[in-house]
Amino acid sequence: MSVQAFYRHARLHVVSAVLLSRGAVSAQSEMVDISATGLCVHKPETWQGQPGQLWALDLLLEGDAHVHLEATCVRETEHKVCFEFTRIPEDRQIPLWNLLGGYADRLEAFNA
């Protein structure tokens, strides 16, 4: 049986604080990685979300850069929660693309 390779947007490993909020529920975490389409965070101990839910994410980046965006929870594992970007305000796109640099257009292989 052969393993078929698929491609996805390259992940950039970044250490950054992330505030997750949905209505009156909020939690703090740290980013695991980020790509042009989404990001993964370490699963907070107080995590109350589930896949399919829309969350507001506040990323605190180097140099006091702050990116506020909306993302849908797409996957949850024992140790991390992954989100797909649904809305990035225009005024926050430049700091995000500056962070991603060459990763914004790069694809990487992964085995499914």
C-alpha atoms as a PDB file:
ATOM      1  CA  MET A   1       0.000   0.000   0.000  1.00  0.00           C
ATOM      2  CA  SER A   2       1.546   3.326  -1.026  1.00  0.00           C
ATOM      3  CA  VAL A   3       1.211   6.588   0.842  1.00  0.00           C
ATOM      4  CA  GLN A   4      -0.081   9.404  -1.334  1.00  0.00           C
ATOM      5  CA  ALA A   5       1.453  12.838  -0.791  1.00  0.00           C
ATOM      6  CA  PHE A   6      -0.830  15.870  -0.645  1.00  0.00           C
ATOM      7  CA  TYR A   7       0.077  19.543  -0.521  1.00  0.00           C
ATOM      8  CA  ARG A   8      -0.996  22.263   1.884  1.00  0.00           C
ATOM      9  CA  HIS A   9       0.065  25.813   2.651  1.00  0.00           C
ATOM     10  CA  ALA A  10       3.430  25.784   4.426  1.00  0.00           C
ATOM     11  CA  ARG A  11       3.332  26.128   8.212  1.00  0.00           C
ATOM     12  CA  LEU A  12       5.527  28.702   9.944  1.00  0.00           C
ATOM     13  CA  HIS A  13       6.356  27.866  13.560  1.00  0.00           C
ATOM     14  CA  VAL A  14       5.922  31.041  15.606  1.00  0.00           C
ATOM     15  CA  VAL A  15       5.829  31.675  19.336  1.00  0.00           C
ATOM     16  CA  SER A  16       3.032  34.146  19.949  1.00  0.00           C
ATOM     17  CA  ALA A  17       0.324  34.679  22.535  1.00  0.00           C
ATOM     18  CA  VAL A  18      -3.219  34.212  21.234  1.00  0.00           C
ATOM     19  CA  LEU A  19      -6.479  35.242  22.878  1.00  0.00           C
ATOM     20  CA  LEU A  20      -9.433  33.119  21.746  1.00  0.00           C
ATOM     21  CA  SER A  21     -12.929  34.512  22.307  1.00  0.00           C
ATOM     22  CA  ARG A  22     -16.475  33.566  21.424  1.00  0.00           C
ATOM     23  CA  GLY A  23     -19.223  35.555  23.110  1.00  0.00           C
ATOM     24  CA  ALA A  24     -18.600  35.506  26.865  1.00  0.00           C
ATOM     25  CA  VAL A  25     -16.128  32.589  26.572  1.00  0.00           C
ATOM     26  CA  SER A  26     -12.415  33.320  26.276  1.00  0.00           C
ATOM     27  CA  ALA A  27      -9.133  31.492  26.715  1.00  0.00           C
ATOM     28  CA  GLN A  28      -5.438  32.259  26.326  1.00  0.00           C
ATOM     29  CA  SER A  29      -2.996  30.094  24.436  1.00  0.00           C
ATOM     30  CA  GLU A  30       0.200  30.092  22.386  1.00  0.00           C
ATOM     31  CA  MET A  31       0.437  29.586  18.658  1.00  0.00           C
ATOM     32  CA  VAL A  32       1.886  26.298  17.386  1.00  0.00           C
ATOM     33  CA  ASP A  33       2.080  27.338  13.727  1.00  0.00           C
ATOM     34  CA  ILE A  34       0.463  29.591  11.135  1.00  0.00           C
ATOM     35  CA  SER A  35      -0.085  29.443   7.373  1.00  0.00           C
ATOM     36  CA  ALA A  36      -1.758  31.634   4.757  1.00  0.00           C
ATOM     37  CA  THR A  37      -5.096  29.932   5.477  1.00  0.00           C
ATOM     38  CA  GLY A  38      -5.144  29.282   9.222  1.00  0.00           C
ATOM     39  CA  LEU A  39      -3.317  28.536  12.440  1.00  0.00           C
ATOM     40  CA  CYS A  40      -3.008  26.010  15.253  1.00  0.00           C
ATOM     41  CA  VAL A  41      -2.705  26.797  18.959  1.00  0.00           C
ATOM     42  CA  HIS A  42      -1.891  24.722  22.021  1.00  0.00           C
ATOM     43  CA  LYS A  43      -5.201  23.498  23.415  1.00  0.00           C
ATOM     44  CA  PRO A  44      -6.130  25.637  26.440  1.00  0.00           C
ATOM     45  CA  GLU A  45      -6.979  23.771  29.634  1.00  0.00           C
ATOM     46  CA  THR A  46     -10.282  25.648  29.713  1.00  0.00           C
ATOM     47  CA  TRP A  47     -11.144  24.952  26.047  1.00  0.00           C
ATOM     48  CA  GLN A  48     -14.916  24.915  25.535  1.00  0.00           C
ATOM     49  CA  GLY A  49     -15.101  25.036  21.752  1.00  0.00           C
ATOM     50  CA  GLN A  50     -15.789  22.539  19.028  1.00  0.00           C
ATOM     51  CA  PRO A  51     -15.252  22.234  15.278  1.00  0.00           C
ATOM     52  CA  GLY A  52     -17.531  24.430  13.178  1.00  0.00           C
ATOM     53  CA  GLN A  53     -17.659  27.319  15.633  1.00  0.00           C
ATOM     54  CA  LEU A  54     -16.592  30.848  14.668  1.00  0.00           C
ATOM     55  CA  TRP A  55     -14.036  32.438  17.032  1.00  0.00           C
ATOM     56  CA  ALA A  56     -12.340  35.831  17.307  1.00  0.00           C
ATOM     57  CA  LEU A  57      -8.554  35.481  17.588  1.00  0.00           C
ATOM     58  CA  ASP A  58      -6.164  38.163  18.765  1.00  0.00           C
ATOM     59  CA  LEU A  59      -2.537  37.466  17.883  1.00  0.00           C
ATOM     60  CA  LEU A  60       0.148  39.388  19.765  1.00  0.00           C
ATOM     61  CA  LEU A  61       3.197  39.427  17.506  1.00  0.00           C
ATOM     62  CA  GLU A  62       6.782  40.712  17.755  1.00  0.00           C
ATOM     63  CA  GLY A  63       7.262  44.455  17.758  1.00  0.00           C
ATOM     64  CA  ASP A  64       3.904  45.117  19.400  1.00  0.00           C
ATOM     65  CA  ALA A  65       2.027  44.053  16.251  1.00  0.00           C
ATOM     66  CA  HIS A  66      -1.522  42.963  16.955  1.00  0.00           C
ATOM     67  CA  VAL A  67      -3.724  41.054  14.508  1.00  0.00           C
ATOM     68  CA  HIS A  68      -7.430  40.615  15.204  1.00  0.00           C
ATOM     69  CA  LEU A  69      -9.230  38.166  12.922  1.00  0.00           C
ATOM     70  CA  GLU A  70     -12.101  35.719  12.743  1.00  0.00           C
ATOM     71  CA  ALA A  71     -11.544  32.005  12.258  1.00  0.00           C
ATOM     72  CA  THR A  72     -13.549  28.795  12.285  1.00  0.00           C
ATOM     73  CA  CYS A  73     -12.410  25.899  14.450  1.00  0.00           C
ATOM     74  CA  VAL A  74     -11.740  23.046  12.019  1.00  0.00           C
ATOM     75  CA  ARG A  75      -9.942  20.453  14.126  1.00  0.00           C
ATOM     76  CA  GLU A  76      -9.259  19.610  17.754  1.00  0.00           C
ATOM     77  CA  THR A  77      -6.779  17.059  19.044  1.00  0.00           C
ATOM     78  CA  GLU A  78      -5.626  16.146  22.531  1.00  0.00           C
ATOM     79  CA  HIS A  79      -2.970  18.874  22.457  1.00  0.00           C
ATOM     80  CA  LYS A  80      -3.977  21.493  19.888  1.00  0.00           C
ATOM     81  CA  VAL A  81      -6.854  23.354  18.243  1.00  0.00           C
ATOM     82  CA  CYS A  82      -6.698  24.364  14.582  1.00  0.00           C
ATOM     83  CA  PHE A  83      -8.539  27.229  12.900  1.00  0.00           C
ATOM     84  CA  GLU A  84      -9.196  28.332   9.330  1.00  0.00           C
ATOM     85  CA  PHE A  85      -9.269  32.084   8.702  1.00  0.00           C
ATOM     86  CA  THR A  86     -12.710  33.374   7.725  1.00  0.00           C
ATOM     87  CA  ARG A  87     -12.164  37.136   7.952  1.00  0.00           C
ATOM     88  CA  ILE A  88      -9.010  39.219   8.218  1.00  0.00           C
ATOM     89  CA  PRO A  89      -9.748  42.972   8.392  1.00  0.00           C
ATOM     90  CA  GLU A  90      -7.944  44.915   5.652  1.00  0.00           C
ATOM     91  CA  ASP A  91      -5.959  46.989   8.139  1.00  0.00           C
ATOM     92  CA  ARG A  92      -4.602  43.783   9.763  1.00  0.00           C
ATOM     93  CA  GLN A  93      -3.563  41.969   6.602  1.00  0.00           C
ATOM     94  CA  ILE A  94      -0.173  43.674   6.215  1.00  0.00           C
ATOM     95  CA  PRO A  95       1.143  42.634   9.686  1.00  0.00           C
ATOM     96  CA  LEU A  96      -0.044  39.076   9.026  1.00  0.00           C
ATOM     97  CA  TRP A  97       1.592  38.874   5.578  1.00  0.00           C
ATOM     98  CA  ASN A  98       4.779  40.451   6.990  1.00  0.00           C
ATOM     99  CA  LEU A  99       4.858  37.692   9.599  1.00  0.00           C
ATOM    100  CA  LEU A 100       4.332  34.954   7.003  1.00  0.00           C
ATOM    101  CA  GLY A 101       6.895  36.344   4.552  1.00  0.00           C
ATOM    102  CA  GLY A 102       7.758  33.686   1.974  1.00  0.00           C
ATOM    103  CA  TYR A 103       5.493  31.156   3.708  1.00  0.00           C
ATOM    104  CA  ALA A 104       2.418  32.962   2.353  1.00  0.00           C
ATOM    105  CA  ASP A 105       2.923  31.482  -1.135  1.00  0.00           C
ATOM    106  CA  ARG A 106       4.752  28.248  -0.305  1.00  0.00           C
ATOM    107  CA  LEU A 107       3.233  24.764  -0.348  1.00  0.00           C
ATOM    108  CA  GLU A 108       4.565  21.736   1.520  1.00  0.00           C
ATOM    109  CA  ALA A 109       3.948  18.036   1.104  1.00  0.00           C
ATOM    110  CA  PHE A 110       2.322  16.006   3.836  1.00  0.00           C
ATOM    111  CA  ASN A 111       1.173  12.410   3.974  1.00  0.00           C
ATOM    112  CA  ALA A 112      -2.501  11.714   4.528  1.00  0.00           C
END
